[in-house]
Amino acid sequence: QPLNLFNLTQRHTHNAENFIRYATGKDKPWFLYMSYAKVHTALFTNPEFVNVGESDYIDNIAELDWSVGYLLDLLDELGIGDDTIVWFSSDNGPF
């Protein structure tokens, strides 16, 4: 199966959205681990984020910001934002 990196962040984000909507409907505690694959090294840039910033790296940070913001907005839309713990963490990169 060929590796398809195109729209990887968008696909993960929408999969996370589907999970959150499903899990919230169950009215039980749930856990979602969201790992972003290409922030440290800009492997590619998805078309909607090309030239958003001054470099490929900044374009990828903008994509990450979109995803996190999208999911935080979803939590608020579902009325669970104030009852949900969001833990955002990162390491120091590849160098």
PDB file of N, CA and C in Angstrom:
ATOM      1  N   GLN A   1       0.846  -1.166   0.000  1.00  0.00           N
ATOM      2  CA  GLN A   1       0.000   0.000   0.000  1.00  0.00           C
ATOM      3  C   GLN A   1       0.895   1.233   0.000  1.00  0.00           C
ATOM      4  N   PRO A   2       0.712   2.131  -0.943  1.00  0.00           N
ATOM      5  CA  PRO A   2       1.566   3.323  -0.992  1.00  0.00           C
ATOM      6  C   PRO A   2       1.251   4.278   0.159  1.00  0.00           C
ATOM      7  N   LEU A   3       2.292   4.946   0.607  1.00  0.00           N
ATOM      8  CA  LEU A   3       2.155   5.943   1.667  1.00  0.00           C
ATOM      9  C   LEU A   3       1.531   7.208   1.092  1.00  0.00           C
ATOM     10  N   ASN A   4       0.483   7.697   1.717  1.00  0.00           N
ATOM     11  CA  ASN A   4      -0.193   8.899   1.258  1.00  0.00           C
ATOM     12  C   ASN A   4      -0.145   9.945   2.361  1.00  0.00           C
ATOM     13  N   LEU A   5       0.743  10.927   2.226  1.00  0.00           N
ATOM     14  CA  LEU A   5       0.884  11.980   3.221  1.00  0.00           C
ATOM     15  C   LEU A   5      -0.008  13.183   2.930  1.00  0.00           C
ATOM     16  N   PHE A   6      -0.590  13.243   1.742  1.00  0.00           N
ATOM     17  CA  PHE A   6      -1.417  14.380   1.368  1.00  0.00           C
ATOM     18  C   PHE A   6      -2.593  14.508   2.335  1.00  0.00           C
ATOM     19  N   ASN A   7      -2.805  15.701   2.844  1.00  0.00           N
ATOM     20  CA  ASN A   7      -3.907  16.006   3.766  1.00  0.00           C
ATOM     21  C   ASN A   7      -3.885  15.159   5.037  1.00  0.00           C
ATOM     22  N   LEU A   8      -2.700  14.746   5.470  1.00  0.00           N
ATOM     23  CA  LEU A   8      -2.588  13.899   6.655  1.00  0.00           C
ATOM     24  C   LEU A   8      -3.173  14.570   7.891  1.00  0.00           C
ATOM     25  N   THR A   9      -2.838  15.828   8.124  1.00  0.00           N
ATOM     26  CA  THR A   9      -3.365  16.539   9.292  1.00  0.00           C
ATOM     27  C   THR A   9      -4.882  16.678   9.201  1.00  0.00           C
ATOM     28  N   GLN A  10      -5.385  16.989   8.030  1.00  0.00           N
ATOM     29  CA  GLN A  10      -6.822  17.139   7.853  1.00  0.00           C
ATOM     30  C   GLN A  10      -7.534  15.805   8.083  1.00  0.00           C
ATOM     31  N   ARG A  11      -6.972  14.717   7.592  1.00  0.00           N
ATOM     32  CA  ARG A  11      -7.593  13.401   7.781  1.00  0.00           C
ATOM     33  C   ARG A  11      -7.599  13.014   9.253  1.00  0.00           C
ATOM     34  N   HIS A  12      -6.470  13.228   9.943  1.00  0.00           N
ATOM     35  CA  HIS A  12      -6.418  12.922  11.378  1.00  0.00           C
ATOM     36  C   HIS A  12      -7.396  13.801  12.158  1.00  0.00           C
ATOM     37  N   THR A  13      -7.486  15.059  11.781  1.00  0.00           N
ATOM     38  CA  THR A  13      -8.386  15.983  12.468  1.00  0.00           C
ATOM     39  C   THR A  13      -9.835  15.544  12.296  1.00  0.00           C
ATOM     40  N   HIS A  14     -10.210  15.173  11.104  1.00  0.00           N
ATOM     41  CA  HIS A  14     -11.595  14.759  10.871  1.00  0.00           C
ATOM     42  C   HIS A  14     -11.887  13.387  11.502  1.00  0.00           C
ATOM     43  N   ASN A  15     -10.889  12.516  11.550  1.00  0.00           N
ATOM     44  CA  ASN A  15     -11.064  11.254  12.288  1.00  0.00           C
ATOM     45  C   ASN A  15     -11.253  11.532  13.775  1.00  0.00           C
ATOM     46  N   ALA A  16     -10.494  12.485  14.305  1.00  0.00           N
ATOM     47  CA  ALA A  16     -10.640  12.869  15.711  1.00  0.00           C
ATOM     48  C   ALA A  16     -12.023  13.466  15.943  1.00  0.00           C
ATOM     49  N   GLU A  17     -12.490  14.296  15.020  1.00  0.00           N
ATOM     50  CA  GLU A  17     -13.833  14.866  15.146  1.00  0.00           C
ATOM     51  C   GLU A  17     -14.884  13.763  15.209  1.00  0.00           C
ATOM     52  N   ASN A  18     -14.779  12.790  14.312  1.00  0.00           N
ATOM     53  CA  ASN A  18     -15.743  11.687  14.310  1.00  0.00           C
ATOM     54  C   ASN A  18     -15.714  10.937  15.635  1.00  0.00           C
ATOM     55  N   PHE A  19     -14.519  10.681  16.151  1.00  0.00           N
ATOM     56  CA  PHE A  19     -14.399   9.991  17.427  1.00  0.00           C
ATOM     57  C   PHE A  19     -15.022  10.812  18.557  1.00  0.00           C
ATOM     58  N   ILE A  20     -14.710  12.108  18.611  1.00  0.00           N
ATOM     59  CA  ILE A  20     -15.230  12.962  19.686  1.00  0.00           C
ATOM     60  C   ILE A  20     -16.751  13.007  19.644  1.00  0.00           C
ATOM     61  N   ARG A  21     -17.314  13.151  18.466  1.00  0.00           N
ATOM     62  CA  ARG A  21     -18.773  13.180  18.341  1.00  0.00           C
ATOM     63  C   ARG A  21     -19.377  11.844  18.801  1.00  0.00           C
ATOM     64  N   TYR A  22     -18.780  10.740  18.384  1.00  0.00           N
ATOM     65  CA  TYR A  22     -19.267   9.421  18.773  1.00  0.00           C
ATOM     66  C   TYR A  22     -19.138   9.216  20.285  1.00  0.00           C
ATOM     67  N   ALA A  23     -17.967   9.491  20.829  1.00  0.00           N
ATOM     68  CA  ALA A  23     -17.701   9.254  22.251  1.00  0.00           C
ATOM     69  C   ALA A  23     -18.552  10.156  23.138  1.00  0.00           C
ATOM     70  N   THR A  24     -18.752  11.389  22.715  1.00  0.00           N
ATOM     71  CA  THR A  24     -19.569  12.319  23.503  1.00  0.00           C
ATOM     72  C   THR A  24     -21.013  11.826  23.570  1.00  0.00           C
ATOM     73  N   GLY A  25     -21.479  11.218  22.501  1.00  0.00           N
ATOM     74  CA  GLY A  25     -22.837  10.685  22.472  1.00  0.00           C
ATOM     75  C   GLY A  25     -23.043   9.510  23.410  1.00  0.00           C
ATOM     76  N   LYS A  26     -21.958   8.864  23.821  1.00  0.00           N
ATOM     77  CA  LYS A  26     -22.048   7.717  24.728  1.00  0.00           C
ATOM     78  C   LYS A  26     -22.175   8.143  26.183  1.00  0.00           C
ATOM     79  N   ASP A  27     -21.950   9.427  26.458  1.00  0.00           N
ATOM     80  CA  ASP A  27     -22.065   9.971  27.811  1.00  0.00           C
ATOM     81  C   ASP A  27     -21.202   9.222  28.825  1.00  0.00           C
ATOM     82  N   LYS A  28     -19.995   8.866  28.383  1.00  0.00           N
ATOM     83  CA  LYS A  28     -19.005   8.226  29.250  1.00  0.00           C
ATOM     84  C   LYS A  28     -17.673   8.941  29.047  1.00  0.00           C
ATOM     85  N   PRO A  29     -16.770   8.846  30.010  1.00  0.00           N
ATOM     86  CA  PRO A  29     -15.446   9.454  29.808  1.00  0.00           C
ATOM     87  C   PRO A  29     -14.748   8.834  28.594  1.00  0.00           C
ATOM     88  N   TRP A  30     -13.950   9.623  27.935  1.00  0.00           N
ATOM     89  CA  TRP A  30     -13.203   9.135  26.784  1.00  0.00           C
ATOM     90  C   TRP A  30     -11.817   9.779  26.762  1.00  0.00           C
ATOM     91  N   PHE A  31     -10.917   9.200  25.971  1.00  0.00           N
ATOM     92  CA  PHE A  31      -9.545   9.686  25.846  1.00  0.00           C
ATOM     93  C   PHE A  31      -9.179   9.689  24.374  1.00  0.00           C
ATOM     94  N   LEU A  32      -8.600  10.776  23.903  1.00  0.00           N
ATOM     95  CA  LEU A  32      -8.107  10.875  22.532  1.00  0.00           C
ATOM     96  C   LEU A  32      -6.661  11.336  22.571  1.00  0.00           C
ATOM     97  N   TYR A  33      -5.791  10.573  21.932  1.00  0.00           N
ATOM     98  CA  TYR A  33      -4.384  10.960  21.790  1.00  0.00           C
ATOM     99  C   TYR A  33      -4.189  11.390  20.347  1.00  0.00           C
ATOM    100  N   MET A  34      -3.816  12.617  20.147  1.00  0.00           N
ATOM    101  CA  MET A  34      -3.641  13.182  18.805  1.00  0.00           C
ATOM    102  C   MET A  34      -2.168  13.494  18.607  1.00  0.00           C
ATOM    103  N   SER A  35      -1.546  12.842  17.655  1.00  0.00           N
ATOM    104  CA  SER A  35      -0.124  13.040  17.410  1.00  0.00           C
ATOM    105  C   SER A  35       0.070  13.637  16.014  1.00  0.00           C
ATOM    106  N   TYR A  36       0.738  14.758  15.959  1.00  0.00           N
ATOM    107  CA  TYR A  36       0.976  15.430  14.682  1.00  0.00           C
ATOM    108  C   TYR A  36       2.315  14.981  14.109  1.00  0.00           C
ATOM    109  N   ALA A  37       2.333  14.637  12.829  1.00  0.00           N
ATOM    110  CA  ALA A  37       3.461  13.934  12.229  1.00  0.00           C
ATOM    111  C   ALA A  37       4.538  14.820  11.617  1.00  0.00           C
ATOM    112  N   LYS A  38       4.231  16.039  11.273  1.00  0.00           N
ATOM    113  CA  LYS A  38       5.188  16.757  10.419  1.00  0.00           C
ATOM    114  C   LYS A  38       5.497  18.173  10.857  1.00  0.00           C
ATOM    115  N   VAL A  39       5.470  18.426  12.135  1.00  0.00           N
ATOM    116  CA  VAL A  39       5.735  19.790  12.584  1.00  0.00           C
ATOM    117  C   VAL A  39       7.233  20.086  12.648  1.00  0.00           C
ATOM    118  N   HIS A  40       8.011  19.148  13.167  1.00  0.00           N
ATOM    119  CA  HIS A  40       9.453  19.387  13.322  1.00  0.00           C
ATOM    120  C   HIS A  40      10.158  19.581  11.993  1.00  0.00           C
ATOM    121  N   THR A  41       9.786  18.783  11.037  1.00  0.00           N
ATOM    122  CA  THR A  41      10.389  18.868   9.713  1.00  0.00           C
ATOM    123  C   THR A  41       9.259  19.001   8.707  1.00  0.00           C
ATOM    124  N   ALA A  42       9.239  20.073   7.987  1.00  0.00           N
ATOM    125  CA  ALA A  42       8.164  20.309   7.017  1.00  0.00           C
ATOM    126  C   ALA A  42       8.342  19.361   5.837  1.00  0.00           C
ATOM    127  N   LEU A  43       7.773  18.173   5.950  1.00  0.00           N
ATOM    128  CA  LEU A  43       7.911  17.166   4.909  1.00  0.00           C
ATOM    129  C   LEU A  43       7.203  17.587   3.623  1.00  0.00           C
ATOM    130  N   PHE A  44       6.107  18.279   3.781  1.00  0.00           N
ATOM    131  CA  PHE A  44       5.318  18.777   2.664  1.00  0.00           C
ATOM    132  C   PHE A  44       4.354  19.803   3.238  1.00  0.00           C
ATOM    133  N   THR A  45       3.739  20.560   2.390  1.00  0.00           N
ATOM    134  CA  THR A  45       2.751  21.542   2.831  1.00  0.00           C
ATOM    135  C   THR A  45       1.473  21.309   2.042  1.00  0.00           C
ATOM    136  N   ASN A  46       0.372  21.182   2.728  1.00  0.00           N
ATOM    137  CA  ASN A  46      -0.900  21.014   2.049  1.00  0.00           C
ATOM    138  C   ASN A  46      -1.303  22.325   1.377  1.00  0.00           C
ATOM    139  N   PRO A  47      -1.980  22.232   0.230  1.00  0.00           N
ATOM    140  CA  PRO A  47      -2.242  23.415  -0.606  1.00  0.00           C
ATOM    141  C   PRO A  47      -2.861  24.599   0.130  1.00  0.00           C
ATOM    142  N   GLU A  48      -3.805  24.358   1.032  1.00  0.00           N
ATOM    143  CA  GLU A  48      -4.464  25.479   1.684  1.00  0.00           C
ATOM    144  C   GLU A  48      -3.569  26.233   2.660  1.00  0.00           C
ATOM    145  N   PHE A  49      -2.379  25.678   2.947  1.00  0.00           N
ATOM    146  CA  PHE A  49      -1.463  26.334   3.873  1.00  0.00           C
ATOM    147  C   PHE A  49      -0.169  26.792   3.203  1.00  0.00           C
ATOM    148  N   VAL A  50      -0.051  26.635   1.904  1.00  0.00           N
ATOM    149  CA  VAL A  50       1.143  27.066   1.175  1.00  0.00           C
ATOM    150  C   VAL A  50       1.245  28.590   1.224  1.00  0.00           C
ATOM    151  N   ASN A  51       2.423  29.081   1.588  1.00  0.00           N
ATOM    152  CA  ASN A  51       2.722  30.521   1.641  1.00  0.00           C
ATOM    153  C   ASN A  51       1.869  31.292   2.644  1.00  0.00           C
ATOM    154  N   VAL A  52       1.387  30.603   3.672  1.00  0.00           N
ATOM    155  CA  VAL A  52       0.691  31.298   4.758  1.00  0.00           C
ATOM    156  C   VAL A  52       1.710  32.113   5.556  1.00  0.00           C
ATOM    157  N   GLY A  53       2.894  31.558   5.694  1.00  0.00           N
ATOM    158  CA  GLY A  53       3.964  32.231   6.424  1.00  0.00           C
ATOM    159  C   GLY A  53       5.174  32.448   5.536  1.00  0.00           C
ATOM    160  N   GLU A  54       6.290  32.726   6.174  1.00  0.00           N
ATOM    161  CA  GLU A  54       7.510  33.041   5.434  1.00  0.00           C
ATOM    162  C   GLU A  54       8.352  31.818   5.093  1.00  0.00           C
ATOM    163  N   SER A  55       7.916  30.631   5.533  1.00  0.00           N
ATOM    164  CA  SER A  55       8.676  29.412   5.243  1.00  0.00           C
ATOM    165  C   SER A  55       7.745  28.210   5.315  1.00  0.00           C
ATOM    166  N   ASP A  56       8.226  27.064   4.821  1.00  0.00           N
ATOM    167  CA  ASP A  56       7.450  25.823   4.911  1.00  0.00           C
ATOM    168  C   ASP A  56       7.172  25.462   6.360  1.00  0.00           C
ATOM    169  N   TYR A  57       8.141  25.718   7.233  1.00  0.00           N
ATOM    170  CA  TYR A  57       7.960  25.419   8.653  1.00  0.00           C
ATOM    171  C   TYR A  57       6.790  26.213   9.230  1.00  0.00           C
ATOM    172  N   ILE A  58       6.724  27.498   8.950  1.00  0.00           N
ATOM    173  CA  ILE A  58       5.642  28.340   9.454  1.00  0.00           C
ATOM    174  C   ILE A  58       4.310  27.904   8.843  1.00  0.00           C
ATOM    175  N   ASP A  59       4.322  27.512   7.573  1.00  0.00           N
ATOM    176  CA  ASP A  59       3.101  26.986   6.948  1.00  0.00           C
ATOM    177  C   ASP A  59       2.606  25.755   7.701  1.00  0.00           C
ATOM    178  N   ASN A  60       3.516  24.888   8.115  1.00  0.00           N
ATOM    179  CA  ASN A  60       3.136  23.688   8.851  1.00  0.00           C
ATOM    180  C   ASN A  60       2.648  24.011  10.258  1.00  0.00           C
ATOM    181  N   ILE A  61       3.215  25.020  10.891  1.00  0.00           N
ATOM    182  CA  ILE A  61       2.725  25.455  12.202  1.00  0.00           C
ATOM    183  C   ILE A  61       1.304  26.010  12.058  1.00  0.00           C
ATOM    184  N   ALA A  62       1.037  26.730  10.979  1.00  0.00           N
ATOM    185  CA  ALA A  62      -0.309  27.247  10.723  1.00  0.00           C
ATOM    186  C   ALA A  62      -1.300  26.097  10.566  1.00  0.00           C
ATOM    187  N   GLU A  63      -0.867  25.029   9.921  1.00  0.00           N
ATOM    188  CA  GLU A  63      -1.724  23.847   9.757  1.00  0.00           C
ATOM    189  C   GLU A  63      -2.007  23.194  11.110  1.00  0.00           C
ATOM    190  N   LEU A  64      -0.990  23.069  11.941  1.00  0.00           N
ATOM    191  CA  LEU A  64      -1.159  22.537  13.296  1.00  0.00           C
ATOM    192  C   LEU A  64      -2.130  23.421  14.078  1.00  0.00           C
ATOM    193  N   ASP A  65      -1.954  24.728  13.999  1.00  0.00           N
ATOM    194  CA  ASP A  65      -2.815  25.668  14.707  1.00  0.00           C
ATOM    195  C   ASP A  65      -4.261  25.519  14.248  1.00  0.00           C
ATOM    196  N   TRP A  66      -4.464  25.357  12.953  1.00  0.00           N
ATOM    197  CA  TRP A  66      -5.820  25.149  12.432  1.00  0.00           C
ATOM    198  C   TRP A  66      -6.444  23.910  13.070  1.00  0.00           C
ATOM    199  N   SER A  67      -5.699  22.812  13.096  1.00  0.00           N
ATOM    200  CA  SER A  67      -6.223  21.553  13.617  1.00  0.00           C
ATOM    201  C   SER A  67      -6.587  21.652  15.093  1.00  0.00           C
ATOM    202  N   VAL A  68      -5.686  22.183  15.894  1.00  0.00           N
ATOM    203  CA  VAL A  68      -5.947  22.320  17.332  1.00  0.00           C
ATOM    204  C   VAL A  68      -7.151  23.242  17.550  1.00  0.00           C
ATOM    205  N   GLY A  69      -7.189  24.352  16.847  1.00  0.00           N
ATOM    206  CA  GLY A  69      -8.315  25.274  16.977  1.00  0.00           C
ATOM    207  C   GLY A  69      -9.631  24.643  16.557  1.00  0.00           C
ATOM    208  N   TYR A  70      -9.593  23.856  15.493  1.00  0.00           N
ATOM    209  CA  TYR A  70     -10.795  23.171  15.008  1.00  0.00           C
ATOM    210  C   TYR A  70     -11.346  22.232  16.081  1.00  0.00           C
ATOM    211  N   LEU A  71     -10.457  21.471  16.711  1.00  0.00           N
ATOM    212  CA  LEU A  71     -10.896  20.521  17.730  1.00  0.00           C
ATOM    213  C   LEU A  71     -11.355  21.226  19.005  1.00  0.00           C
ATOM    214  N   LEU A  72     -10.690  22.310  19.389  1.00  0.00           N
ATOM    215  CA  LEU A  72     -11.138  23.069  20.555  1.00  0.00           C
ATOM    216  C   LEU A  72     -12.514  23.702  20.299  1.00  0.00           C
ATOM    217  N   ASP A  73     -12.720  24.216  19.097  1.00  0.00           N
ATOM    218  CA  ASP A  73     -14.035  24.767  18.740  1.00  0.00           C
ATOM    219  C   ASP A  73     -15.110  23.679  18.771  1.00  0.00           C
ATOM    220  N   LEU A  74     -14.757  22.487  18.331  1.00  0.00           N
ATOM    221  CA  LEU A  74     -15.698  21.362  18.360  1.00  0.00           C
ATOM    222  C   LEU A  74     -16.124  21.050  19.792  1.00  0.00           C
ATOM    223  N   LEU A  75     -15.158  21.035  20.706  1.00  0.00           N
ATOM    224  CA  LEU A  75     -15.491  20.766  22.116  1.00  0.00           C
ATOM    225  C   LEU A  75     -16.488  21.805  22.634  1.00  0.00           C
ATOM    226  N   ASP A  76     -16.280  23.070  22.282  1.00  0.00           N
ATOM    227  CA  ASP A  76     -17.206  24.120  22.694  1.00  0.00           C
ATOM    228  C   ASP A  76     -18.576  23.941  22.033  1.00  0.00           C
ATOM    229  N   GLU A  77     -18.565  23.609  20.751  1.00  0.00           N
ATOM    230  CA  GLU A  77     -19.824  23.391  20.013  1.00  0.00           C
ATOM    231  C   GLU A  77     -20.656  22.286  20.672  1.00  0.00           C
ATOM    232  N   LEU A  78     -19.985  21.249  21.145  1.00  0.00           N
ATOM    233  CA  LEU A  78     -20.678  20.125  21.769  1.00  0.00           C
ATOM    234  C   LEU A  78     -21.028  20.392  23.232  1.00  0.00           C
ATOM    235  N   GLY A  79     -20.602  21.549  23.746  1.00  0.00           N
ATOM    236  CA  GLY A  79     -20.916  21.920  25.116  1.00  0.00           C
ATOM    237  C   GLY A  79     -20.083  21.213  26.163  1.00  0.00           C
ATOM    238  N   ILE A  80     -18.917  20.707  25.747  1.00  0.00           N
ATOM    239  CA  ILE A  80     -18.063  19.970  26.688  1.00  0.00           C
ATOM    240  C   ILE A  80     -16.691  20.616  26.863  1.00  0.00           C
ATOM    241  N   GLY A  81     -16.500  21.776  26.289  1.00  0.00           N
ATOM    242  CA  GLY A  81     -15.204  22.446  26.364  1.00  0.00           C
ATOM    243  C   GLY A  81     -14.754  22.733  27.784  1.00  0.00           C
ATOM    244  N   ASP A  82     -15.697  23.135  28.635  1.00  0.00           N
ATOM    245  CA  ASP A  82     -15.340  23.465  30.015  1.00  0.00           C
ATOM    246  C   ASP A  82     -15.145  22.231  30.888  1.00  0.00           C
ATOM    247  N   ASP A  83     -15.578  21.072  30.399  1.00  0.00           N
ATOM    248  CA  ASP A  83     -15.459  19.827  31.167  1.00  0.00           C
ATOM    249  C   ASP A  83     -14.424  18.872  30.576  1.00  0.00           C
ATOM    250  N   THR A  84     -13.604  19.373  29.664  1.00  0.00           N
ATOM    251  CA  THR A  84     -12.631  18.530  28.967  1.00  0.00           C
ATOM    252  C   THR A  84     -11.216  19.025  29.261  1.00  0.00           C
ATOM    253  N   ILE A  85     -10.355  18.099  29.615  1.00  0.00           N
ATOM    254  CA  ILE A  85      -8.936  18.429  29.819  1.00  0.00           C
ATOM    255  C   ILE A  85      -8.220  18.273  28.487  1.00  0.00           C
ATOM    256  N   VAL A  86      -7.560  19.328  28.054  1.00  0.00           N
ATOM    257  CA  VAL A  86      -6.743  19.288  26.841  1.00  0.00           C
ATOM    258  C   VAL A  86      -5.306  19.495  27.271  1.00  0.00           C
ATOM    259  N   TRP A  87      -4.467  18.545  26.944  1.00  0.00           N
ATOM    260  CA  TRP A  87      -3.056  18.600  27.313  1.00  0.00           C
ATOM    261  C   TRP A  87      -2.270  18.677  26.017  1.00  0.00           C
ATOM    262  N   PHE A  88      -1.681  19.834  25.763  1.00  0.00           N
ATOM    263  CA  PHE A  88      -0.889  20.028  24.555  1.00  0.00           C
ATOM    264  C   PHE A  88       0.571  20.007  24.940  1.00  0.00           C
ATOM    265  N   SER A  89       1.335  19.166  24.278  1.00  0.00           N
ATOM    266  CA  SER A  89       2.747  19.007  24.635  1.00  0.00           C
ATOM    267  C   SER A  89       3.575  18.879  23.354  1.00  0.00           C
ATOM    268  N   SER A  90       4.843  19.187  23.480  1.00  0.00           N
ATOM    269  CA  SER A  90       5.750  19.054  22.347  1.00  0.00           C
ATOM    270  C   SER A  90       7.157  18.771  22.883  1.00  0.00           C
ATOM    271  N   ASP A  91       7.997  18.280  22.011  1.00  0.00           N
ATOM    272  CA  ASP A  91       9.392  18.128  22.381  1.00  0.00           C
ATOM    273  C   ASP A  91      10.212  19.217  21.692  1.00  0.00           C
ATOM    274  N   ASN A  92      11.499  19.126  21.720  1.00  0.00           N
ATOM    275  CA  ASN A  92      12.350  20.187  21.183  1.00  0.00           C
ATOM    276  C   ASN A  92      12.722  19.997  19.719  1.00  0.00           C
ATOM    277  N   GLY A  93      12.124  19.056  19.057  1.00  0.00           N
ATOM    278  CA  GLY A  93      12.402  18.883  17.648  1.00  0.00           C
ATOM    279  C   GLY A  93      13.524  17.911  17.367  1.00  0.00           C
ATOM    280  N   PRO A  94      13.891  17.804  16.092  1.00  0.00           N
ATOM    281  CA  PRO A  94      14.836  16.774  15.679  1.00  0.00           C
ATOM    282  C   PRO A  94      16.303  17.136  15.907  1.00  0.00           C
ATOM    283  N   PHE A  95      16.597  18.351  16.354  1.00  0.00           N
ATOM    284  CA  PHE A  95      18.001  18.754  16.448  1.00  0.00           C
ATOM    285  C   PHE A  95      18.461  18.896  17.876  1.00  0.00           C
TER     286      PHE A  95
END
